[in-house]
């Protein structure tokens, strides 16, 4: 699904393994650079995300610098390593209205146009660029629980994503409760597999 579209939504009841499979797939294709920065990032979405500042940060006019976020730093790191896939996992991404904090992403995915961040003052020395283009090696996975605490997706979101629903059999759920996990840790793939994934995506 990620090869077909760089945005995948996993939906289903709580405890069906959505976050786990997202994380373990990213760990399987894990690559670390010289500074021990890895190519996957798990971000829990908060219920108070009403705009894109939690994702892309904001310009602080008092300090005259751009306040970055882990997501923005992750995107900039992906830009610097175009041959390696980077996996952004948004956990419980519908705790807030997705269109409010993720609209810039949705538009950029469709158009390929840059996302404007801010306008630099003459005395601003921030290393953050004034705009970013979503790199081709960025893959976003969102996990979704459908209950009374969450918001439904609009057609705009669903049109831009592959949606996979997790509907386990009752017997599998009960078995999972009484048996120990066999996949507690994932060993990284052989060298070249992550790069091969990126070539397939391209």
N, C-alpha and C. Protein backbone atom coordinates (compact mmCIF):
# COMPACT_ATOMS: atom_id res chain seq x y z
N UNK A 1 0.82 -1.21 0.00
CA UNK A 1 0.00 0.00 0.00
C UNK A 1 0.85 1.26 0.00
N UNK A 2 1.94 1.26 0.77
CA UNK A 2 2.81 2.44 0.80
C UNK A 2 3.52 2.64 -0.53
N UNK A 3 3.80 1.56 -1.24
CA UNK A 3 4.41 1.69 -2.56
C UNK A 3 3.44 2.33 -3.54
N UNK A 4 2.16 2.01 -3.40
CA UNK A 4 1.16 2.55 -4.31
C UNK A 4 0.82 4.00 -3.98
N UNK A 5 0.72 4.32 -2.69
CA UNK A 5 0.46 5.68 -2.23
C UNK A 5 1.28 5.92 -0.98
N UNK A 6 1.90 7.07 -0.86
CA UNK A 6 2.77 7.32 0.31
C UNK A 6 1.99 7.67 1.57
N UNK A 7 0.66 7.52 1.55
CA UNK A 7 -0.17 7.83 2.72
C UNK A 7 -1.14 6.68 2.93
N UNK A 8 -1.00 5.97 4.05
CA UNK A 8 -1.82 4.80 4.35
C UNK A 8 -2.49 5.01 5.71
N UNK A 9 -3.77 4.71 5.78
CA UNK A 9 -4.52 4.80 7.04
C UNK A 9 -4.90 3.39 7.46
N UNK A 10 -4.56 3.04 8.69
CA UNK A 10 -4.95 1.75 9.27
C UNK A 10 -6.06 2.01 10.28
N UNK A 11 -7.19 1.40 10.06
CA UNK A 11 -8.34 1.63 10.94
C UNK A 11 -8.83 0.32 11.53
N UNK A 12 -9.45 0.41 12.69
CA UNK A 12 -9.97 -0.79 13.35
C UNK A 12 -10.10 -0.55 14.84
N UNK A 13 -10.60 -1.55 15.53
CA UNK A 13 -10.77 -1.44 16.98
C UNK A 13 -9.43 -1.31 17.69
N UNK A 14 -9.45 -0.72 18.87
CA UNK A 14 -8.25 -0.60 19.67
C UNK A 14 -7.69 -1.97 20.02
N UNK A 15 -6.38 -2.10 19.93
CA UNK A 15 -5.74 -3.36 20.30
C UNK A 15 -5.61 -4.36 19.17
N UNK A 16 -5.91 -3.96 17.94
CA UNK A 16 -5.82 -4.90 16.82
C UNK A 16 -4.45 -4.87 16.13
N UNK A 17 -3.51 -4.08 16.66
CA UNK A 17 -2.14 -4.15 16.16
C UNK A 17 -1.77 -3.12 15.11
N UNK A 18 -2.55 -2.06 14.97
CA UNK A 18 -2.29 -1.08 13.92
C UNK A 18 -0.96 -0.35 14.13
N UNK A 19 -0.77 0.16 15.34
CA UNK A 19 0.48 0.87 15.63
C UNK A 19 1.66 -0.08 15.60
N UNK A 20 1.43 -1.28 16.09
CA UNK A 20 2.52 -2.25 16.17
C UNK A 20 3.03 -2.65 14.78
N UNK A 21 2.14 -2.91 13.86
CA UNK A 21 2.58 -3.33 12.54
C UNK A 21 3.24 -2.16 11.80
N UNK A 22 2.75 -0.94 12.04
CA UNK A 22 3.37 0.24 11.43
C UNK A 22 4.80 0.42 11.93
N UNK A 23 4.95 0.28 13.24
CA UNK A 23 6.27 0.48 13.85
C UNK A 23 7.23 -0.64 13.44
N UNK A 24 6.74 -1.87 13.45
CA UNK A 24 7.62 -2.99 13.14
C UNK A 24 8.05 -2.99 11.67
N UNK A 25 7.16 -2.54 10.78
CA UNK A 25 7.56 -2.43 9.38
C UNK A 25 8.66 -1.38 9.22
N UNK A 26 8.51 -0.25 9.92
CA UNK A 26 9.53 0.79 9.87
C UNK A 26 10.85 0.30 10.47
N UNK A 27 10.76 -0.48 11.55
CA UNK A 27 11.97 -1.03 12.17
C UNK A 27 12.65 -2.03 11.24
N UNK A 28 11.86 -2.75 10.45
CA UNK A 28 12.43 -3.72 9.51
C UNK A 28 13.28 -3.01 8.46
N UNK A 29 12.85 -1.82 8.02
CA UNK A 29 13.59 -1.05 7.02
C UNK A 29 14.39 0.07 7.67
N UNK A 30 14.81 -0.14 8.91
CA UNK A 30 15.49 0.91 9.66
C UNK A 30 16.90 1.16 9.13
N UNK A 31 17.23 2.45 9.06
CA UNK A 31 18.58 2.88 8.70
C UNK A 31 18.95 4.02 9.64
N UNK A 32 20.17 4.00 10.15
CA UNK A 32 20.66 5.06 11.03
C UNK A 32 21.82 5.78 10.36
N UNK A 33 21.86 7.13 10.52
CA UNK A 33 22.98 7.86 9.94
C UNK A 33 24.11 7.97 10.95
N UNK A 34 25.12 8.75 10.61
CA UNK A 34 26.31 8.86 11.47
C UNK A 34 25.99 9.47 12.82
N UNK A 35 24.91 10.24 12.89
CA UNK A 35 24.51 10.88 14.15
C UNK A 35 23.47 10.07 14.90
N UNK A 36 23.29 8.79 14.49
CA UNK A 36 22.32 7.89 15.12
C UNK A 36 20.88 8.37 14.97
N UNK A 37 20.62 9.17 13.95
CA UNK A 37 19.24 9.55 13.64
C UNK A 37 18.65 8.49 12.74
N UNK A 38 17.45 8.03 13.09
CA UNK A 38 16.84 6.92 12.37
C UNK A 38 15.81 7.41 11.36
N UNK A 39 15.35 6.50 10.50
CA UNK A 39 14.44 6.87 9.40
C UNK A 39 12.98 6.57 9.71
N UNK A 40 12.63 6.48 10.99
CA UNK A 40 11.20 6.36 11.33
C UNK A 40 10.90 7.17 12.59
N UNK A 41 9.68 7.68 12.64
CA UNK A 41 9.28 8.56 13.74
C UNK A 41 7.82 8.29 14.08
N UNK A 42 7.56 8.01 15.36
CA UNK A 42 6.20 7.79 15.85
C UNK A 42 5.74 9.04 16.60
N UNK A 43 4.63 9.63 16.15
CA UNK A 43 4.10 10.84 16.76
C UNK A 43 2.67 10.58 17.24
N UNK A 44 2.42 10.62 18.55
CA UNK A 44 1.03 10.50 19.04
C UNK A 44 0.30 11.83 18.79
N UNK A 45 -0.82 11.77 18.10
CA UNK A 45 -1.61 12.97 17.82
C UNK A 45 -2.41 13.34 19.06
N UNK A 46 -2.42 14.61 19.40
CA UNK A 46 -3.14 15.08 20.58
C UNK A 46 -4.53 15.57 20.23
N UNK A 47 -5.38 15.62 21.23
CA UNK A 47 -6.76 16.09 21.02
C UNK A 47 -6.83 17.60 20.85
N UNK A 48 -5.72 18.30 21.09
CA UNK A 48 -5.70 19.76 21.00
C UNK A 48 -5.02 20.28 19.74
N UNK A 49 -4.86 19.43 18.74
CA UNK A 49 -4.21 19.85 17.50
C UNK A 49 -5.23 20.57 16.61
N UNK A 50 -5.27 21.87 16.71
CA UNK A 50 -6.26 22.66 15.96
C UNK A 50 -5.66 23.38 14.76
N UNK A 51 -4.33 23.33 14.61
CA UNK A 51 -3.69 23.92 13.43
C UNK A 51 -2.41 23.15 13.14
N UNK A 52 -1.65 23.61 12.15
CA UNK A 52 -0.49 22.83 11.71
C UNK A 52 0.78 23.11 12.50
N UNK A 53 0.71 23.91 13.56
CA UNK A 53 1.94 24.24 14.29
C UNK A 53 2.52 23.02 15.01
N UNK A 54 1.69 22.04 15.38
CA UNK A 54 2.20 20.82 16.02
C UNK A 54 3.00 19.97 15.03
N UNK A 55 2.71 20.15 13.74
CA UNK A 55 3.38 19.38 12.70
C UNK A 55 4.57 20.16 12.13
N UNK A 56 4.32 21.41 11.74
CA UNK A 56 5.32 22.18 10.99
C UNK A 56 5.96 23.31 11.78
N UNK A 57 5.54 23.52 13.04
CA UNK A 57 6.16 24.56 13.84
C UNK A 57 5.63 25.94 13.50
N UNK A 58 6.35 26.97 13.98
CA UNK A 58 5.90 28.35 13.75
C UNK A 58 7.07 29.30 13.95
N UNK A 59 6.91 30.51 13.40
CA UNK A 59 7.94 31.54 13.55
C UNK A 59 7.65 32.35 14.80
N UNK A 60 8.66 32.48 15.66
CA UNK A 60 8.54 33.26 16.89
C UNK A 60 9.13 34.65 16.65
N UNK A 61 8.28 35.68 16.50
CA UNK A 61 8.80 37.01 16.20
C UNK A 61 9.56 37.64 17.37
N UNK A 62 9.30 37.19 18.60
CA UNK A 62 10.02 37.74 19.74
C UNK A 62 11.48 37.27 19.76
N UNK A 63 11.66 35.98 19.49
CA UNK A 63 13.02 35.42 19.44
C UNK A 63 13.65 35.56 18.06
N UNK A 64 12.81 35.94 17.07
CA UNK A 64 13.26 36.06 15.68
C UNK A 64 13.90 34.76 15.19
N UNK A 65 13.21 33.65 15.48
CA UNK A 65 13.67 32.35 15.01
C UNK A 65 12.48 31.44 14.81
N UNK A 66 12.68 30.40 14.01
CA UNK A 66 11.60 29.45 13.73
C UNK A 66 11.64 28.33 14.74
N UNK A 67 10.49 28.09 15.38
CA UNK A 67 10.37 27.00 16.35
C UNK A 67 9.99 25.73 15.59
N UNK A 68 10.95 24.85 15.44
CA UNK A 68 10.72 23.64 14.67
C UNK A 68 10.01 22.58 15.51
N UNK A 69 9.70 21.45 14.89
CA UNK A 69 9.06 20.32 15.55
C UNK A 69 9.80 19.04 15.17
N UNK A 70 9.62 17.95 15.90
CA UNK A 70 10.23 16.69 15.49
C UNK A 70 9.81 16.26 14.08
N UNK A 71 8.56 16.55 13.70
CA UNK A 71 8.10 16.16 12.36
C UNK A 71 8.83 16.96 11.29
N UNK A 72 8.95 18.27 11.47
CA UNK A 72 9.65 19.10 10.49
C UNK A 72 11.12 18.72 10.39
N UNK A 73 11.76 18.48 11.53
CA UNK A 73 13.16 18.04 11.51
C UNK A 73 13.29 16.71 10.77
N UNK A 74 12.30 15.84 10.95
CA UNK A 74 12.30 14.53 10.29
C UNK A 74 12.17 14.70 8.77
N UNK A 75 11.30 15.61 8.33
CA UNK A 75 11.13 15.87 6.89
C UNK A 75 12.42 16.42 6.29
N UNK A 76 13.06 17.34 6.98
CA UNK A 76 14.31 17.91 6.49
C UNK A 76 15.41 16.84 6.43
N UNK A 77 15.40 15.91 7.39
CA UNK A 77 16.37 14.80 7.37
C UNK A 77 16.10 13.89 6.17
N UNK A 78 14.82 13.66 5.87
CA UNK A 78 14.46 12.85 4.70
C UNK A 78 14.95 13.50 3.41
N UNK A 79 14.86 14.82 3.33
CA UNK A 79 15.34 15.54 2.15
C UNK A 79 16.83 15.31 1.92
N UNK A 80 17.58 15.18 3.00
CA UNK A 80 19.03 15.01 2.91
C UNK A 80 19.43 13.58 2.55
N UNK A 81 18.48 12.64 2.63
CA UNK A 81 18.78 11.22 2.36
C UNK A 81 17.76 10.65 1.38
N UNK A 82 17.77 11.09 0.13
CA UNK A 82 16.70 10.73 -0.82
C UNK A 82 16.67 9.26 -1.22
N UNK A 83 17.74 8.51 -0.96
CA UNK A 83 17.78 7.10 -1.38
C UNK A 83 17.22 6.15 -0.33
N UNK A 84 16.79 6.70 0.81
CA UNK A 84 16.31 5.88 1.92
C UNK A 84 14.87 6.26 2.24
N UNK A 85 13.98 5.29 2.45
CA UNK A 85 12.60 5.63 2.83
C UNK A 85 12.53 6.12 4.27
N UNK A 86 11.70 7.12 4.51
CA UNK A 86 11.47 7.65 5.85
C UNK A 86 10.00 7.46 6.18
N UNK A 87 9.73 6.89 7.36
CA UNK A 87 8.38 6.51 7.75
C UNK A 87 7.90 7.35 8.93
N UNK A 88 6.90 8.17 8.66
CA UNK A 88 6.26 8.98 9.70
C UNK A 88 4.96 8.29 10.10
N UNK A 89 4.83 7.95 11.39
CA UNK A 89 3.66 7.25 11.89
C UNK A 89 2.90 8.20 12.81
N UNK A 90 1.67 8.53 12.42
CA UNK A 90 0.80 9.39 13.23
C UNK A 90 -0.19 8.49 13.98
N UNK A 91 0.04 8.34 15.26
CA UNK A 91 -0.76 7.41 16.06
C UNK A 91 -2.04 8.09 16.53
N UNK A 92 -3.17 7.40 16.30
CA UNK A 92 -4.50 7.92 16.63
C UNK A 92 -4.70 9.30 16.01
N UNK A 93 -4.52 9.35 14.71
CA UNK A 93 -4.47 10.64 14.03
C UNK A 93 -5.83 11.34 13.95
N UNK A 94 -6.92 10.66 14.28
CA UNK A 94 -8.22 11.33 14.25
C UNK A 94 -8.72 11.72 15.65
N UNK A 95 -7.80 11.83 16.62
CA UNK A 95 -8.19 12.41 17.91
C UNK A 95 -8.53 13.90 17.74
N UNK A 96 -7.94 14.52 16.72
CA UNK A 96 -8.29 15.88 16.31
C UNK A 96 -8.76 15.83 14.86
N UNK A 97 -9.41 16.92 14.42
CA UNK A 97 -9.82 17.01 13.02
C UNK A 97 -8.57 16.99 12.13
N UNK A 98 -8.45 15.97 11.31
CA UNK A 98 -7.27 15.82 10.46
C UNK A 98 -7.11 17.02 9.53
N UNK A 99 -8.22 17.54 9.00
CA UNK A 99 -8.15 18.63 8.05
C UNK A 99 -7.56 19.90 8.66
N UNK A 100 -7.62 20.02 9.98
CA UNK A 100 -7.12 21.24 10.64
C UNK A 100 -5.61 21.24 10.75
N UNK A 101 -5.02 20.12 11.11
CA UNK A 101 -3.57 20.12 11.33
C UNK A 101 -2.79 19.50 10.17
N UNK A 102 -3.49 18.84 9.25
CA UNK A 102 -2.81 18.10 8.18
C UNK A 102 -3.16 18.60 6.79
N UNK A 103 -3.88 19.72 6.70
CA UNK A 103 -4.36 20.19 5.40
C UNK A 103 -3.21 20.54 4.45
N UNK A 104 -2.14 21.15 4.98
CA UNK A 104 -1.00 21.49 4.13
C UNK A 104 -0.39 20.24 3.51
N UNK A 105 -0.30 19.18 4.30
CA UNK A 105 0.22 17.92 3.79
C UNK A 105 -0.66 17.38 2.68
N UNK A 106 -1.97 17.39 2.92
CA UNK A 106 -2.90 16.83 1.94
C UNK A 106 -2.81 17.56 0.61
N UNK A 107 -2.73 18.88 0.65
CA UNK A 107 -2.62 19.66 -0.57
C UNK A 107 -1.29 19.41 -1.28
N UNK A 108 -0.21 19.35 -0.49
CA UNK A 108 1.11 19.14 -1.08
C UNK A 108 1.24 17.74 -1.68
N UNK A 109 0.60 16.74 -1.07
CA UNK A 109 0.62 15.39 -1.63
C UNK A 109 -0.03 15.36 -3.00
N UNK A 110 -1.09 16.13 -3.16
CA UNK A 110 -1.84 16.14 -4.41
C UNK A 110 -1.15 16.96 -5.48
N UNK A 111 -0.65 18.13 -5.10
CA UNK A 111 -0.14 19.08 -6.09
C UNK A 111 1.37 19.01 -6.30
N UNK A 112 2.10 18.56 -5.27
CA UNK A 112 3.55 18.60 -5.36
C UNK A 112 4.12 19.99 -5.12
N UNK A 113 3.25 20.94 -4.79
CA UNK A 113 3.70 22.31 -4.55
C UNK A 113 4.36 22.43 -3.17
N UNK A 114 5.25 23.41 -3.00
CA UNK A 114 5.89 23.60 -1.70
C UNK A 114 4.92 24.10 -0.65
N UNK A 115 5.22 23.81 0.60
CA UNK A 115 4.44 24.29 1.74
C UNK A 115 5.16 25.50 2.33
N UNK A 116 4.55 26.69 2.28
CA UNK A 116 5.21 27.86 2.87
C UNK A 116 5.19 27.78 4.40
N UNK A 117 6.32 28.10 5.01
CA UNK A 117 6.43 28.06 6.46
C UNK A 117 6.40 29.45 7.08
N UNK A 118 7.22 30.35 6.56
CA UNK A 118 7.30 31.71 7.12
C UNK A 118 8.11 32.58 6.16
N UNK A 119 8.18 33.84 6.47
CA UNK A 119 9.01 34.79 5.72
C UNK A 119 10.14 35.26 6.62
N UNK A 120 11.37 35.02 6.20
CA UNK A 120 12.51 35.35 7.04
C UNK A 120 12.69 36.86 7.18
N UNK A 121 12.90 37.28 8.42
CA UNK A 121 13.34 38.65 8.64
C UNK A 121 14.82 38.77 8.27
N UNK A 122 15.26 39.98 8.03
CA UNK A 122 16.65 40.19 7.61
C UNK A 122 17.64 39.74 8.68
N UNK A 123 17.23 39.81 9.96
CA UNK A 123 18.13 39.42 11.04
C UNK A 123 17.82 38.03 11.59
N UNK A 124 17.02 37.27 10.85
CA UNK A 124 16.71 35.90 11.27
C UNK A 124 17.79 34.96 10.77
N UNK A 125 18.38 34.20 11.67
CA UNK A 125 19.47 33.29 11.31
C UNK A 125 19.04 31.83 11.39
N UNK A 126 17.75 31.57 11.36
CA UNK A 126 17.25 30.20 11.46
C UNK A 126 17.69 29.38 10.26
N UNK A 127 18.03 28.11 10.51
CA UNK A 127 18.42 27.20 9.43
C UNK A 127 17.21 26.58 8.74
N UNK A 128 16.01 26.82 9.27
CA UNK A 128 14.80 26.28 8.67
C UNK A 128 14.48 27.07 7.39
N UNK A 129 14.24 26.41 6.27
CA UNK A 129 13.93 27.12 5.03
C UNK A 129 12.56 27.79 5.10
N UNK A 130 12.33 28.74 4.19
CA UNK A 130 11.06 29.46 4.17
C UNK A 130 9.91 28.59 3.67
N UNK A 131 10.22 27.55 2.92
CA UNK A 131 9.21 26.62 2.43
C UNK A 131 9.84 25.25 2.26
N UNK A 132 9.00 24.23 2.29
CA UNK A 132 9.49 22.87 2.09
C UNK A 132 8.64 22.17 1.04
N UNK A 133 9.25 21.25 0.34
CA UNK A 133 8.55 20.36 -0.59
C UNK A 133 8.60 18.97 0.03
N UNK A 134 7.44 18.31 0.09
CA UNK A 134 7.43 16.96 0.67
C UNK A 134 8.29 16.04 -0.17
N UNK A 135 9.31 15.43 0.41
CA UNK A 135 10.20 14.58 -0.38
C UNK A 135 9.53 13.28 -0.80
N UNK A 136 9.98 12.73 -1.92
CA UNK A 136 9.40 11.49 -2.44
C UNK A 136 9.66 10.29 -1.55
N UNK A 137 10.62 10.40 -0.65
CA UNK A 137 10.95 9.27 0.22
C UNK A 137 10.28 9.36 1.58
N UNK A 138 9.26 10.21 1.69
CA UNK A 138 8.50 10.31 2.95
C UNK A 138 7.21 9.51 2.82
N UNK A 139 7.02 8.56 3.73
CA UNK A 139 5.83 7.71 3.73
C UNK A 139 5.11 7.89 5.07
N UNK A 140 3.82 8.21 4.98
CA UNK A 140 3.04 8.52 6.18
C UNK A 140 2.03 7.41 6.44
N UNK A 141 2.04 6.89 7.66
CA UNK A 141 1.04 5.91 8.09
C UNK A 141 0.28 6.49 9.27
N UNK A 142 -1.04 6.50 9.17
CA UNK A 142 -1.87 6.96 10.26
C UNK A 142 -2.69 5.83 10.84
N UNK A 143 -2.73 5.73 12.16
CA UNK A 143 -3.59 4.74 12.80
C UNK A 143 -4.84 5.43 13.32
N UNK A 144 -5.97 4.75 13.21
CA UNK A 144 -7.27 5.36 13.48
C UNK A 144 -8.13 4.42 14.31
N UNK A 145 -8.68 4.93 15.41
CA UNK A 145 -9.71 4.22 16.16
C UNK A 145 -11.05 4.91 15.91
N UNK A 146 -12.06 4.14 15.66
CA UNK A 146 -13.39 4.71 15.43
C UNK A 146 -14.23 4.50 16.69
N UNK A 147 -14.39 5.56 17.47
CA UNK A 147 -15.24 5.49 18.66
C UNK A 147 -15.75 6.88 18.98
N UNK A 148 -16.35 7.05 20.14
CA UNK A 148 -16.99 8.34 20.47
C UNK A 148 -15.98 9.44 20.78
N UNK A 149 -14.68 9.12 20.91
CA UNK A 149 -13.68 10.14 21.23
C UNK A 149 -12.98 10.68 20.00
N UNK A 150 -13.32 10.18 18.82
CA UNK A 150 -12.58 10.54 17.61
C UNK A 150 -13.48 11.21 16.59
N UNK A 151 -12.84 11.73 15.52
CA UNK A 151 -13.55 12.40 14.44
C UNK A 151 -13.47 11.56 13.18
N UNK A 152 -14.52 11.61 12.38
CA UNK A 152 -14.54 10.89 11.11
C UNK A 152 -13.73 11.65 10.07
N UNK A 153 -13.27 10.93 9.05
CA UNK A 153 -12.50 11.54 7.97
C UNK A 153 -13.42 12.10 6.90
N UNK A 154 -12.98 13.16 6.26
CA UNK A 154 -13.71 13.72 5.13
C UNK A 154 -13.26 13.00 3.86
N UNK A 155 -14.04 13.10 2.78
CA UNK A 155 -13.62 12.51 1.50
C UNK A 155 -12.28 13.03 1.02
N UNK A 156 -11.94 14.28 1.35
CA UNK A 156 -10.65 14.85 0.94
C UNK A 156 -9.49 14.03 1.48
N UNK A 157 -9.62 13.56 2.73
CA UNK A 157 -8.56 12.75 3.33
C UNK A 157 -8.54 11.36 2.72
N UNK A 158 -9.72 10.76 2.62
CA UNK A 158 -9.80 9.37 2.14
C UNK A 158 -9.36 9.25 0.69
N UNK A 159 -9.57 10.28 -0.11
CA UNK A 159 -9.16 10.25 -1.51
C UNK A 159 -7.65 10.19 -1.67
N UNK A 160 -6.94 10.67 -0.69
CA UNK A 160 -5.48 10.76 -0.80
C UNK A 160 -4.76 9.62 -0.09
N UNK A 161 -5.51 8.67 0.43
CA UNK A 161 -4.90 7.60 1.23
C UNK A 161 -5.39 6.24 0.78
N UNK A 162 -4.57 5.24 1.05
CA UNK A 162 -5.01 3.86 1.03
C UNK A 162 -5.50 3.52 2.43
N UNK A 163 -6.72 3.01 2.53
CA UNK A 163 -7.30 2.71 3.84
C UNK A 163 -7.40 1.20 4.01
N UNK A 164 -6.83 0.69 5.11
CA UNK A 164 -6.87 -0.74 5.41
C UNK A 164 -7.59 -0.92 6.74
N UNK A 165 -8.66 -1.71 6.73
CA UNK A 165 -9.42 -1.94 7.95
C UNK A 165 -8.98 -3.25 8.60
N UNK A 166 -8.71 -3.18 9.90
CA UNK A 166 -8.31 -4.36 10.67
C UNK A 166 -9.57 -4.95 11.32
N UNK A 167 -9.95 -6.16 10.88
CA UNK A 167 -11.12 -6.84 11.44
C UNK A 167 -10.74 -8.27 11.81
N UNK A 168 -10.07 -8.44 12.94
CA UNK A 168 -9.64 -9.79 13.33
C UNK A 168 -10.82 -10.65 13.76
N UNK A 169 -10.64 -11.94 13.60
CA UNK A 169 -11.64 -12.89 14.09
C UNK A 169 -11.63 -12.91 15.62
N UNK A 170 -12.78 -13.16 16.23
CA UNK A 170 -12.88 -13.18 17.69
C UNK A 170 -11.91 -14.20 18.29
N UNK A 171 -11.77 -15.35 17.64
CA UNK A 171 -10.88 -16.38 18.17
C UNK A 171 -9.43 -15.90 18.21
N UNK A 172 -9.03 -15.10 17.20
CA UNK A 172 -7.66 -14.57 17.18
C UNK A 172 -7.44 -13.56 18.30
N UNK A 173 -8.46 -12.74 18.56
CA UNK A 173 -8.35 -11.76 19.65
C UNK A 173 -8.20 -12.46 20.98
N UNK A 174 -9.02 -13.47 21.23
CA UNK A 174 -8.95 -14.20 22.49
C UNK A 174 -7.62 -14.94 22.62
N UNK A 175 -7.14 -15.49 21.52
CA UNK A 175 -5.86 -16.20 21.55
C UNK A 175 -4.72 -15.24 21.88
N UNK A 176 -4.82 -14.02 21.35
CA UNK A 176 -3.78 -13.02 21.58
C UNK A 176 -3.72 -12.59 23.04
N UNK A 177 -4.86 -12.67 23.74
CA UNK A 177 -4.91 -12.27 25.13
C UNK A 177 -4.23 -13.28 26.05
N UNK A 178 -4.24 -14.53 25.66
CA UNK A 178 -3.72 -15.56 26.56
C UNK A 178 -2.33 -16.06 26.16
N UNK A 179 -1.89 -15.75 24.94
CA UNK A 179 -0.58 -16.24 24.50
C UNK A 179 0.42 -15.09 24.49
N UNK A 180 1.69 -15.43 24.66
CA UNK A 180 2.74 -14.41 24.65
C UNK A 180 3.08 -14.04 23.21
N UNK A 181 3.59 -12.83 23.05
CA UNK A 181 3.92 -12.34 21.72
C UNK A 181 5.16 -13.05 21.17
N UNK A 182 5.11 -13.40 19.89
CA UNK A 182 6.26 -14.05 19.25
C UNK A 182 7.09 -13.04 18.47
N UNK A 183 6.59 -11.82 18.31
CA UNK A 183 7.29 -10.83 17.49
C UNK A 183 7.58 -9.57 18.31
N UNK A 184 8.21 -9.76 19.46
CA UNK A 184 8.47 -8.62 20.33
C UNK A 184 9.45 -7.64 19.70
N UNK A 185 10.41 -8.15 18.93
CA UNK A 185 11.39 -7.28 18.29
C UNK A 185 11.57 -7.71 16.83
N UNK A 186 11.92 -6.75 16.01
CA UNK A 186 12.10 -6.99 14.59
C UNK A 186 13.55 -6.74 14.23
N UNK A 187 14.17 -7.68 13.57
CA UNK A 187 15.53 -7.49 13.10
C UNK A 187 15.53 -6.70 11.80
N UNK A 188 16.42 -5.72 11.68
CA UNK A 188 16.47 -4.94 10.43
C UNK A 188 16.74 -5.82 9.22
N UNK A 189 16.26 -5.40 8.08
CA UNK A 189 16.44 -6.15 6.84
C UNK A 189 17.91 -6.14 6.43
N UNK A 190 18.23 -7.00 5.48
CA UNK A 190 19.59 -7.07 4.95
C UNK A 190 19.95 -5.74 4.29
N UNK A 191 21.23 -5.40 4.22
CA UNK A 191 21.64 -4.17 3.54
C UNK A 191 21.12 -4.12 2.11
N UNK A 192 20.60 -2.99 1.73
CA UNK A 192 20.09 -2.81 0.37
C UNK A 192 18.59 -2.96 0.23
N UNK A 193 17.92 -3.56 1.24
CA UNK A 193 16.47 -3.77 1.14
C UNK A 193 15.72 -2.44 1.23
N UNK A 194 16.13 -1.58 2.16
CA UNK A 194 15.47 -0.27 2.28
C UNK A 194 15.64 0.54 1.00
N UNK A 195 16.84 0.51 0.44
CA UNK A 195 17.09 1.22 -0.82
C UNK A 195 16.26 0.61 -1.95
N UNK A 196 16.10 -0.72 -1.92
CA UNK A 196 15.27 -1.38 -2.93
C UNK A 196 13.81 -0.98 -2.82
N UNK A 197 13.32 -0.81 -1.59
CA UNK A 197 11.96 -0.33 -1.37
C UNK A 197 11.80 1.04 -2.00
N UNK A 198 12.80 1.91 -1.83
CA UNK A 198 12.72 3.26 -2.38
C UNK A 198 12.72 3.23 -3.90
N UNK A 199 13.49 2.34 -4.49
CA UNK A 199 13.52 2.22 -5.95
C UNK A 199 12.15 1.76 -6.48
N UNK A 200 11.53 0.81 -5.78
CA UNK A 200 10.21 0.35 -6.18
C UNK A 200 9.18 1.49 -6.09
N UNK A 201 9.29 2.27 -5.02
CA UNK A 201 8.36 3.39 -4.84
C UNK A 201 8.49 4.41 -5.96
N UNK A 202 9.70 4.60 -6.43
CA UNK A 202 9.93 5.57 -7.51
C UNK A 202 9.48 5.04 -8.87
